[in-house]
């Protein structure tokens, strides 16, 4: 199949097809009018020169315009929106085309800037949001993760695909729009997370997005407020009953002492005083729980961690303390509340050692890691027997326990934006309490 002529060549052929016959007609006319042959030859030569020059000029002009348009469109295709067509002071038939190309370049440039700004905003949000976000492909591999997810699951900060953590195997089958609450081990304790699934397409491939939100603190706060309200209601109702019981029993004791015969006076008085005693003990019991509901906001001040621990050690002369870290740290905490926190933990350690029939030994260590203070207190007692109810109010494994010690400890550390976790020691008897809070 013969190759077709280019667009500019076709224009030149069309121009020559119209101009050459006119030149021949002019030469024939001049010959018929007895004009000098030399003059006719000169005119023919000039005509050929003019035709040749005009043909080349037209071709060059057309090629220039076509190349200009091609360069502009090619620049747009390559993502270069800075080039603009120069239309000049006088309009021609190509001016509307050049104006349209310029408007297209401006529109694409504006859209690219908007897209870049949106991507930068999304990237900033992904990097700083505390919600862990994972993108999973159809092979159950992680294709994308933000810093929160990398920290939570100890992922590598690389662009290579990584295996999905086993803890997320159950939620990887969630359909788009579904949510599920799961428990994940974090920093020696189990925390609850809400996992929400969505789907999106990228380069024609389907991916699943998992949004993993820490709801442990929220649920703990709601749980704490619930039992605080319960304590206030119970305290009010029980105290309303204890007051008349105590008053009536005291009155009855006086009446019995005055009017009853000696034979029945002693047992009646003893029973009535027992009622008074139990009412008083119950009142003290309720008041101890009221401390949880009335815990004030911490009054922070700069304190020496070594001094706080040393002050509390003096209250337990029978315990042997082993301080593993000689370097002191300055904490911005409420000293009274933190001393109460240490006292409760030391007391639990002493009670655990007593139940194990061993001399109490307490090891204390603290470290500063990534602007976070971790205080570890380990004992040599019987260890933890029921981890599910450690921080449940009113629950205690000790015969004389009230069930508020660890709850108060947890409330104090959470008021300082920290957390408390406990675990049994692996290589020897006893358990460890870990306090973690931000260093400031």
Protein backbone atom coordinates (compact mmCIF):
# COMPACT_ATOMS: atom_id res chain seq x y z
CA UNK A 1 0.00 0.00 0.00
CA UNK A 2 1.57 3.35 -1.06
CA UNK A 3 2.44 5.72 1.75
CA UNK A 4 0.11 8.74 1.91
CA UNK A 5 1.58 12.23 1.73
CA UNK A 6 1.87 14.30 4.88
CA UNK A 7 -0.62 17.03 5.68
CA UNK A 8 1.83 19.85 4.83
CA UNK A 9 2.79 18.15 1.55
CA UNK A 10 -0.85 17.87 0.58
CA UNK A 11 -1.27 21.61 1.17
CA UNK A 12 1.80 22.32 -1.00
CA UNK A 13 0.50 20.08 -3.77
CA UNK A 14 -2.85 21.85 -3.64
CA UNK A 15 -1.14 25.23 -3.85
CA UNK A 16 1.03 24.14 -6.81
CA UNK A 17 -1.96 22.61 -8.55
CA UNK A 18 -3.66 25.99 -8.51
CA UNK A 19 -0.59 28.20 -9.17
CA UNK A 20 1.29 26.29 -11.92
CA UNK A 21 -1.58 26.37 -14.47
CA UNK A 22 -1.86 30.11 -13.93
CA UNK A 23 1.88 30.50 -14.55
CA UNK A 24 1.66 28.49 -17.79
CA UNK A 25 -1.36 30.52 -18.88
CA UNK A 26 0.57 33.73 -18.25
CA UNK A 27 3.60 32.53 -20.28
CA UNK A 28 1.43 31.42 -23.23
CA UNK A 29 -0.38 34.75 -23.23
CA UNK A 30 2.91 36.64 -23.28
CA UNK A 31 4.19 34.55 -26.20
CA UNK A 32 1.03 35.19 -28.22
CA UNK A 33 1.36 38.94 -27.77
CA UNK A 34 4.80 39.06 -29.48
CA UNK A 35 6.64 39.94 -26.27
CA UNK A 36 10.37 39.38 -26.29
CA UNK A 37 11.33 35.78 -25.71
CA UNK A 38 13.96 36.85 -23.22
CA UNK A 39 11.39 38.78 -21.24
CA UNK A 40 9.08 35.77 -21.26
CA UNK A 41 11.93 33.54 -20.11
CA UNK A 42 12.78 36.00 -17.34
CA UNK A 43 9.16 36.12 -16.20
CA UNK A 44 8.98 32.32 -16.28
CA UNK A 45 12.15 32.07 -14.19
CA UNK A 46 10.83 34.61 -11.69
CA UNK A 47 7.52 32.72 -11.55
CA UNK A 48 9.27 29.44 -10.82
CA UNK A 49 11.36 31.12 -8.11
CA UNK A 50 8.27 32.70 -6.52
CA UNK A 51 6.35 29.42 -6.66
CA UNK A 52 9.24 27.51 -5.11
CA UNK A 53 9.76 30.08 -2.33
CA UNK A 54 6.06 30.40 -1.54
CA UNK A 55 5.65 26.62 -1.49
CA UNK A 56 8.55 26.22 0.93
CA UNK A 57 7.25 29.11 3.05
CA UNK A 58 3.79 27.59 3.28
CA UNK A 59 5.24 24.20 4.20
CA UNK A 60 7.52 25.74 6.84
CA UNK A 61 4.66 27.78 8.30
CA UNK A 62 2.34 24.78 8.48
CA UNK A 63 5.05 22.53 9.93
CA UNK A 64 5.88 25.17 12.55
CA UNK A 65 2.25 25.44 13.65
CA UNK A 66 1.81 21.67 13.73
CA UNK A 67 5.02 21.17 15.71
CA UNK A 68 3.98 23.89 18.13
CA UNK A 69 0.66 22.18 18.74
CA UNK A 70 2.37 18.78 19.02
CA UNK A 71 4.90 20.08 21.56
CA UNK A 72 2.14 21.66 23.66
CA UNK A 73 0.01 18.51 23.68
CA UNK A 74 3.05 16.29 24.30
CA UNK A 75 4.05 18.50 27.24
CA UNK A 76 0.55 18.09 28.69
CA UNK A 77 0.81 14.32 28.21
CA UNK A 78 4.17 14.30 30.04
CA UNK A 79 2.75 16.33 32.94
CA UNK A 80 4.48 19.63 32.05
CA UNK A 81 1.82 22.30 32.37
CA UNK A 82 4.15 25.31 32.26
CA UNK A 83 4.26 25.71 28.44
CA UNK A 84 1.80 28.13 26.82
CA UNK A 85 1.01 28.91 23.18
CA UNK A 86 1.78 32.50 22.08
CA UNK A 87 -1.19 33.82 20.11
CA UNK A 88 0.22 37.23 19.17
CA UNK A 89 -1.64 40.55 18.85
CA UNK A 90 -3.63 39.49 15.77
CA UNK A 91 -6.11 36.65 15.83
CA UNK A 92 -6.21 33.96 13.16
CA UNK A 93 -7.94 30.66 12.65
CA UNK A 94 -5.50 28.90 15.03
CA UNK A 95 -6.02 31.36 17.89
CA UNK A 96 -9.12 29.54 19.32
CA UNK A 97 -7.19 26.25 19.26
CA UNK A 98 -4.20 27.75 21.08
CA UNK A 99 -6.50 29.43 23.61
CA UNK A 100 -8.21 26.09 24.26
CA UNK A 101 -4.84 24.37 24.78
CA UNK A 102 -3.75 27.15 27.18
CA UNK A 103 -6.99 26.81 29.19
CA UNK A 104 -6.54 23.04 29.32
CA UNK A 105 -2.96 23.48 30.60
CA UNK A 106 -4.14 25.91 33.29
CA UNK A 107 -6.95 23.56 34.35
CA UNK A 108 -4.64 20.55 34.52
CA UNK A 109 -2.04 22.57 36.43
CA UNK A 110 -4.65 23.69 38.98
CA UNK A 111 -5.93 20.13 39.37
CA UNK A 112 -2.41 18.81 39.85
CA UNK A 113 -1.73 21.36 42.59
CA UNK A 114 -5.02 20.52 44.27
CA UNK A 115 -4.21 16.81 44.02
CA UNK A 116 -0.72 17.36 45.43
CA UNK A 117 -2.11 19.42 48.32
CA UNK A 118 -4.76 16.79 49.02
CA UNK A 119 -2.14 14.02 48.97
CA UNK A 120 0.07 16.03 51.30
CA UNK A 121 -2.86 16.55 53.67
CA UNK A 122 -3.73 12.85 53.60
CA UNK A 123 -0.08 11.91 54.13
CA UNK A 124 0.21 14.28 57.09
CA UNK A 125 -2.98 12.88 58.63
CA UNK A 126 -1.79 9.29 58.12
CA UNK A 127 1.57 10.02 59.72
CA UNK A 128 0.21 11.79 62.81
CA UNK A 129 -3.17 10.15 63.45
CA UNK A 130 -3.22 7.68 66.35
CA UNK A 131 -5.44 5.28 64.39
CA UNK A 132 -3.50 2.35 62.93
CA UNK A 133 -4.28 1.94 59.22
CA UNK A 134 -3.39 -1.12 57.13
CA UNK A 135 -4.04 -1.83 53.45
CA UNK A 136 -4.29 -5.56 52.69
CA UNK A 137 -4.23 -7.14 49.23
CA UNK A 138 -5.96 -10.33 48.09
CA UNK A 139 -2.93 -12.37 49.25
CA UNK A 140 -3.45 -11.22 52.86
CA UNK A 141 -0.23 -9.21 52.72
CA UNK A 142 0.23 -5.67 54.00
CA UNK A 143 0.65 -3.31 51.05
CA UNK A 144 0.50 -0.06 53.03
CA UNK A 145 0.80 0.94 56.69
CA UNK A 146 1.00 4.22 58.56
CA UNK A 147 3.42 4.94 61.47
CA UNK A 148 0.76 4.11 64.09
CA UNK A 149 0.31 0.63 62.59
CA UNK A 150 4.07 0.15 62.26
CA UNK A 151 4.50 0.94 65.96
CA UNK A 152 1.56 -1.21 67.07
CA UNK A 153 2.56 -4.32 65.10
CA UNK A 154 6.36 -3.73 64.95
CA UNK A 155 6.34 -3.50 61.16
CA UNK A 156 9.29 -2.43 59.05
CA UNK A 157 9.13 1.05 57.55
CA UNK A 158 9.60 -0.23 54.00
CA UNK A 159 7.58 -0.39 50.81
CA UNK A 160 7.93 -4.16 50.52
CA UNK A 161 4.92 -6.32 51.31
CA UNK A 162 4.82 -7.89 54.77
CA UNK A 163 2.77 -10.71 56.23
CA UNK A 164 -0.40 -9.84 58.11
CA UNK A 165 0.03 -10.21 61.92
CA UNK A 166 -1.62 -13.32 63.34
CA UNK A 167 -3.65 -11.21 65.74
CA UNK A 168 -5.53 -9.75 62.75
CA UNK A 169 -6.25 -13.06 61.02
CA UNK A 170 -9.83 -13.11 62.33
CA UNK A 171 -10.69 -9.57 61.23
CA UNK A 172 -9.07 -9.87 57.80
CA UNK A 173 -12.31 -11.47 56.57
CA UNK A 174 -14.47 -8.51 57.55
CA UNK A 175 -16.63 -7.17 54.76
CA UNK A 176 -16.62 -3.51 53.78
CA UNK A 177 -18.40 -1.42 56.42
CA UNK A 178 -18.17 -4.05 59.16
CA UNK A 179 -16.49 -3.55 62.56
CA UNK A 180 -15.27 -5.84 65.32
CA UNK A 181 -13.69 -5.33 68.75
CA UNK A 182 -10.57 -7.41 69.35
CA UNK A 183 -7.92 -7.71 72.07
CA UNK A 184 -4.24 -7.23 71.28
CA UNK A 185 -1.22 -7.68 73.60
CA UNK A 186 0.49 -4.31 73.94
CA UNK A 187 3.24 -3.38 76.41
CA UNK A 188 2.75 -6.41 78.68
CA UNK A 189 -1.01 -5.96 78.83
CA UNK A 190 -4.05 -6.71 76.71
CA UNK A 191 -5.85 -3.74 75.20
CA UNK A 192 -9.08 -3.58 73.24
CA UNK A 193 -9.23 -2.21 69.71
CA UNK A 194 -12.07 -1.57 67.31
CA UNK A 195 -11.31 -2.74 63.75
CA UNK A 196 -13.32 -1.20 60.90
CA UNK A 197 -12.97 -2.50 57.33
CA UNK A 198 -13.39 -0.64 54.03
CA UNK A 199 -12.42 -1.40 50.43
CA UNK A 200 -10.78 0.69 47.71
CA UNK A 201 -9.31 0.24 44.23
CA UNK A 202 -5.77 1.17 43.20
CA UNK A 203 -4.53 0.58 39.64
CA UNK A 204 -7.42 -1.79 39.06
CA UNK A 205 -6.63 -3.96 42.12
CA UNK A 206 -8.94 -4.31 45.11
CA UNK A 207 -7.50 -3.62 48.56
CA UNK A 208 -9.02 -3.80 52.03
CA UNK A 209 -8.42 -0.98 54.49
CA UNK A 210 -8.38 -1.80 58.21
CA UNK A 211 -8.82 1.11 60.63
CA UNK A 212 -7.66 -0.05 64.09
CA UNK A 213 -8.73 2.30 66.89
CA UNK A 214 -7.67 2.01 70.52
CA UNK A 215 -10.91 1.91 72.51
CA UNK A 216 -9.29 0.57 75.68
CA UNK A 217 -8.96 3.99 77.30
CA UNK A 218 -12.49 4.96 76.29
CA UNK A 219 -13.98 1.74 77.65
CA UNK A 220 -11.90 2.03 80.81
CA UNK A 221 -13.15 5.58 81.32
CA UNK A 222 -16.77 4.53 80.82
CA UNK A 223 -16.26 1.57 83.13
CA UNK A 224 -14.69 3.79 85.80
CA UNK A 225 -17.52 6.32 85.61
CA UNK A 226 -20.08 3.50 85.84
CA UNK A 227 -18.76 2.03 89.07
CA UNK A 228 -18.12 5.50 90.51
CA UNK A 229 -21.81 6.27 90.02
CA UNK A 230 -22.66 2.87 91.52
CA UNK A 231 -20.47 3.59 94.56
CA UNK A 232 -22.11 6.97 95.11
CA UNK A 233 -25.61 5.47 94.95
CA UNK A 234 -24.68 2.54 97.22
CA UNK A 235 -22.95 4.82 99.71
CA UNK A 236 -25.95 7.10 99.90
CA UNK A 237 -28.44 4.27 100.42
CA UNK A 238 -26.29 2.29 102.88
CA UNK A 239 -25.41 5.36 104.95
CA UNK A 240 -29.10 6.26 105.15
CA UNK A 241 -29.69 2.86 106.74
CA UNK A 242 -26.57 2.74 108.91
CA UNK A 243 -27.25 6.02 110.69
CA UNK A 244 -30.58 4.95 112.28
CA UNK A 245 -29.21 1.45 113.01
CA UNK A 246 -26.28 2.93 114.95
CA UNK A 247 -28.49 5.46 116.73
CA UNK A 248 -31.17 2.92 117.68
CA UNK A 249 -28.61 0.37 118.90
CA UNK A 250 -26.98 3.00 121.13
CA UNK A 251 -30.38 3.92 122.55
CA UNK A 252 -31.26 0.28 123.15
CA UNK A 253 -27.99 -0.26 125.03
CA UNK A 254 -28.91 2.55 127.42
CA UNK A 255 -32.43 1.18 127.89
CA UNK A 256 -31.15 -2.35 128.51
CA UNK A 257 -28.66 -1.13 131.10
CA UNK A 258 -31.41 0.72 132.99
CA UNK A 259 -34.45 -1.53 132.78
CA UNK A 260 -33.45 -5.11 132.03
CA UNK A 261 -32.66 -7.74 134.59
CA UNK A 262 -28.99 -8.63 135.07
CA UNK A 263 -29.57 -12.13 133.69
CA UNK A 264 -30.46 -10.86 130.20
CA UNK A 265 -28.69 -7.51 130.37
CA UNK A 266 -25.21 -8.87 129.49
CA UNK A 267 -26.14 -10.86 126.33
CA UNK A 268 -28.42 -8.08 125.04
CA UNK A 269 -25.74 -5.45 125.58
CA UNK A 270 -23.11 -7.62 123.89
CA UNK A 271 -25.31 -8.21 120.82
CA UNK A 272 -26.30 -4.56 120.54
CA UNK A 273 -22.65 -3.46 120.75
CA UNK A 274 -21.81 -6.02 118.07
CA UNK A 275 -24.46 -4.38 115.86
CA UNK A 276 -22.85 -0.98 116.54
CA UNK A 277 -19.42 -2.38 115.71
CA UNK A 278 -20.52 -3.96 112.42
CA UNK A 279 -22.37 -0.80 111.43
CA UNK A 280 -19.22 1.22 112.10
CA UNK A 281 -17.05 -1.20 110.12
CA UNK A 282 -19.50 -1.12 107.22
CA UNK A 283 -19.43 2.67 107.31
CA UNK A 284 -15.62 2.63 107.15
CA UNK A 285 -15.82 0.12 104.31
CA UNK A 286 -18.13 2.37 102.31
CA UNK A 287 -15.97 5.41 103.05
CA UNK A 288 -12.90 3.64 101.67
CA UNK A 289 -14.72 3.12 98.38
CA UNK A 290 -15.78 6.74 98.35
CA UNK A 291 -12.09 7.62 98.03
CA UNK A 292 -12.19 6.20 94.50
CA UNK A 293 -15.18 8.30 93.53
CA UNK A 294 -13.65 11.46 95.03
CA UNK A 295 -10.06 11.16 93.79
CA UNK A 296 -9.05 14.77 93.06
CA UNK A 297 -7.22 15.93 89.95
CA UNK A 298 -3.44 15.53 90.38
CA UNK A 299 -1.55 18.64 91.46
CA UNK A 300 1.61 18.13 89.45
CA UNK A 301 5.02 19.32 90.52
CA UNK A 302 8.58 18.29 89.77
CA UNK A 303 9.57 15.42 92.07
CA UNK A 304 12.55 13.14 92.46
CA UNK A 305 11.58 9.55 91.68
CA UNK A 306 14.28 8.26 94.04
CA UNK A 307 12.90 10.42 96.87
CA UNK A 308 9.31 9.25 96.29
CA UNK A 309 10.38 5.60 96.46
CA UNK A 310 12.63 6.16 99.49
CA UNK A 311 9.81 7.86 101.44
CA UNK A 312 7.56 4.85 100.91
CA UNK A 313 10.24 2.28 101.75
CA UNK A 314 10.38 3.59 105.32
CA UNK A 315 6.83 2.31 105.92
CA UNK A 316 7.89 -1.30 105.27
CA UNK A 317 10.89 -2.03 107.53
CA UNK A 318 10.40 -5.81 107.26
CA UNK A 319 10.82 -5.79 103.48
CA UNK A 320 14.17 -5.94 101.71
CA UNK A 321 14.33 -3.41 98.87
CA UNK A 322 16.77 -3.75 95.99
CA UNK A 323 17.09 -0.64 93.82
CA UNK A 324 18.50 -1.69 90.44
CA UNK A 325 18.90 1.80 88.99
CA UNK A 326 21.09 4.36 90.72
CA UNK A 327 20.26 7.18 88.28
CA UNK A 328 17.54 9.50 89.51
CA UNK A 329 14.72 10.87 87.36
CA UNK A 330 12.61 13.99 87.78
CA UNK A 331 8.88 13.44 87.25
CA UNK A 332 6.07 15.97 86.96
CA UNK A 333 3.47 14.20 89.11
CA UNK A 334 1.31 14.64 92.18
CA UNK A 335 3.68 13.50 94.98
CA UNK A 336 0.90 12.58 97.43
CA UNK A 337 -0.94 10.43 94.90
CA UNK A 338 2.23 8.77 93.62
CA UNK A 339 3.36 7.93 97.15
CA UNK A 340 -0.05 6.35 97.76
CA UNK A 341 0.44 4.42 94.52
CA UNK A 342 3.82 3.07 95.64
CA UNK A 343 2.49 2.28 99.14
CA UNK A 344 -0.35 0.18 97.72
CA UNK A 345 2.01 -1.73 95.41
CA UNK A 346 4.55 -2.32 98.20
CA UNK A 347 1.78 -3.49 100.53
CA UNK A 348 0.52 -5.96 97.92
CA UNK A 349 4.08 -7.26 97.53
CA UNK A 350 4.40 -7.76 101.30
CA UNK A 351 1.04 -9.54 101.50
CA UNK A 352 1.98 -11.81 98.58
CA UNK A 353 5.29 -12.73 100.25
CA UNK A 354 3.47 -13.44 103.51
CA UNK A 355 1.05 -15.79 101.72
CA UNK A 356 4.05 -17.56 100.17
CA UNK A 357 5.71 -17.86 103.63
CA UNK A 358 8.90 -16.13 102.47
CA UNK A 359 10.72 -12.98 103.51
CA UNK A 360 9.55 -10.07 101.40
CA UNK A 361 12.02 -8.95 98.73
CA UNK A 362 11.12 -6.11 96.36
CA UNK A 363 13.16 -5.15 93.29
CA UNK A 364 12.66 -1.66 91.83
CA UNK A 365 13.94 -0.49 88.47
CA UNK A 366 13.14 2.39 86.13
CA UNK A 367 14.18 3.26 82.62
CA UNK A 368 13.70 6.16 80.22
CA UNK A 369 12.87 4.80 76.74
CA UNK A 370 11.70 7.06 73.89
CA UNK A 371 10.56 9.79 76.30
CA UNK A 372 8.58 7.25 78.32
CA UNK A 373 9.35 6.33 81.93
CA UNK A 374 8.88 2.64 82.79
CA UNK A 375 8.96 1.80 86.50
CA UNK A 376 9.08 -1.93 87.32
CA UNK A 377 8.34 -3.28 90.82
CA UNK A 378 8.87 -7.04 91.28
CA UNK A 379 8.22 -9.19 94.37
CA UNK A 380 8.84 -12.80 95.40
CA UNK A 381 5.29 -13.63 96.47
CA UNK A 382 2.72 -16.11 95.22
CA UNK A 383 2.11 -14.29 91.95
CA UNK A 384 -1.17 -13.48 90.19
CA UNK A 385 -3.89 -16.13 90.30
CA UNK A 386 -6.74 -14.35 88.46
CA UNK A 387 -5.62 -11.80 85.91
CA UNK A 388 -9.14 -11.11 84.60
CA UNK A 389 -10.35 -9.46 87.82
CA UNK A 390 -7.22 -7.55 88.85
CA UNK A 391 -8.79 -4.12 88.38
CA UNK A 392 -12.39 -4.98 89.23
CA UNK A 393 -13.71 -2.97 92.22
CA UNK A 394 -14.76 -4.98 95.30
CA UNK A 395 -12.75 -8.02 94.11
CA UNK A 396 -9.90 -9.32 96.27
CA UNK A 397 -8.12 -12.65 96.74
CA UNK A 398 -7.09 -11.71 100.30
CA UNK A 399 -9.32 -12.56 103.24
CA UNK A 400 -9.15 -9.05 104.68
CA UNK A 401 -8.85 -7.31 101.31
CA UNK A 402 -11.25 -4.57 100.28
CA UNK A 403 -10.60 -4.74 96.54
CA UNK A 404 -9.70 -1.07 96.12
CA UNK A 405 -5.87 -1.12 96.23
CA UNK A 406 -5.12 -1.92 92.60
CA UNK A 407 -8.18 -0.02 91.41
CA UNK A 408 -6.92 3.10 93.17
CA UNK A 409 -3.44 2.53 91.71
CA UNK A 410 -4.86 2.28 88.22
CA UNK A 411 -6.98 5.39 88.71
CA UNK A 412 -3.96 7.38 89.93
CA UNK A 413 -1.70 6.34 87.03
CA UNK A 414 -4.46 6.96 84.47
CA UNK A 415 -5.02 10.42 85.95
CA UNK A 416 -1.36 11.05 85.03
CA UNK A 417 -1.99 9.78 81.45
CA UNK A 418 -0.10 6.57 82.17
CA UNK A 419 -0.95 2.90 82.50
CA UNK A 420 -0.43 0.06 84.97
CA UNK A 421 0.10 -3.57 84.01
CA UNK A 422 0.94 -6.69 86.02
CA UNK A 423 2.39 -10.03 85.00
CA UNK A 424 3.89 -13.10 86.69
CA UNK A 425 7.66 -13.52 86.64
CA UNK A 426 8.90 -16.22 84.29
CA UNK A 427 12.08 -17.50 85.96
CA UNK A 428 11.12 -17.27 89.63
CA UNK A 429 8.08 -16.89 91.89
CA UNK A 430 6.39 -13.52 92.20
CA UNK A 431 4.91 -10.90 89.93
CA UNK A 432 5.90 -7.53 88.50
CA UNK A 433 3.96 -4.28 88.30
CA UNK A 434 4.93 -1.96 85.45
CA UNK A 435 4.11 1.75 85.52
CA UNK A 436 4.45 3.56 82.19
CA UNK A 437 3.96 7.30 81.73
CA UNK A 438 5.23 10.06 79.47
CA UNK A 439 8.42 11.80 80.58
CA UNK A 440 8.09 15.57 80.90
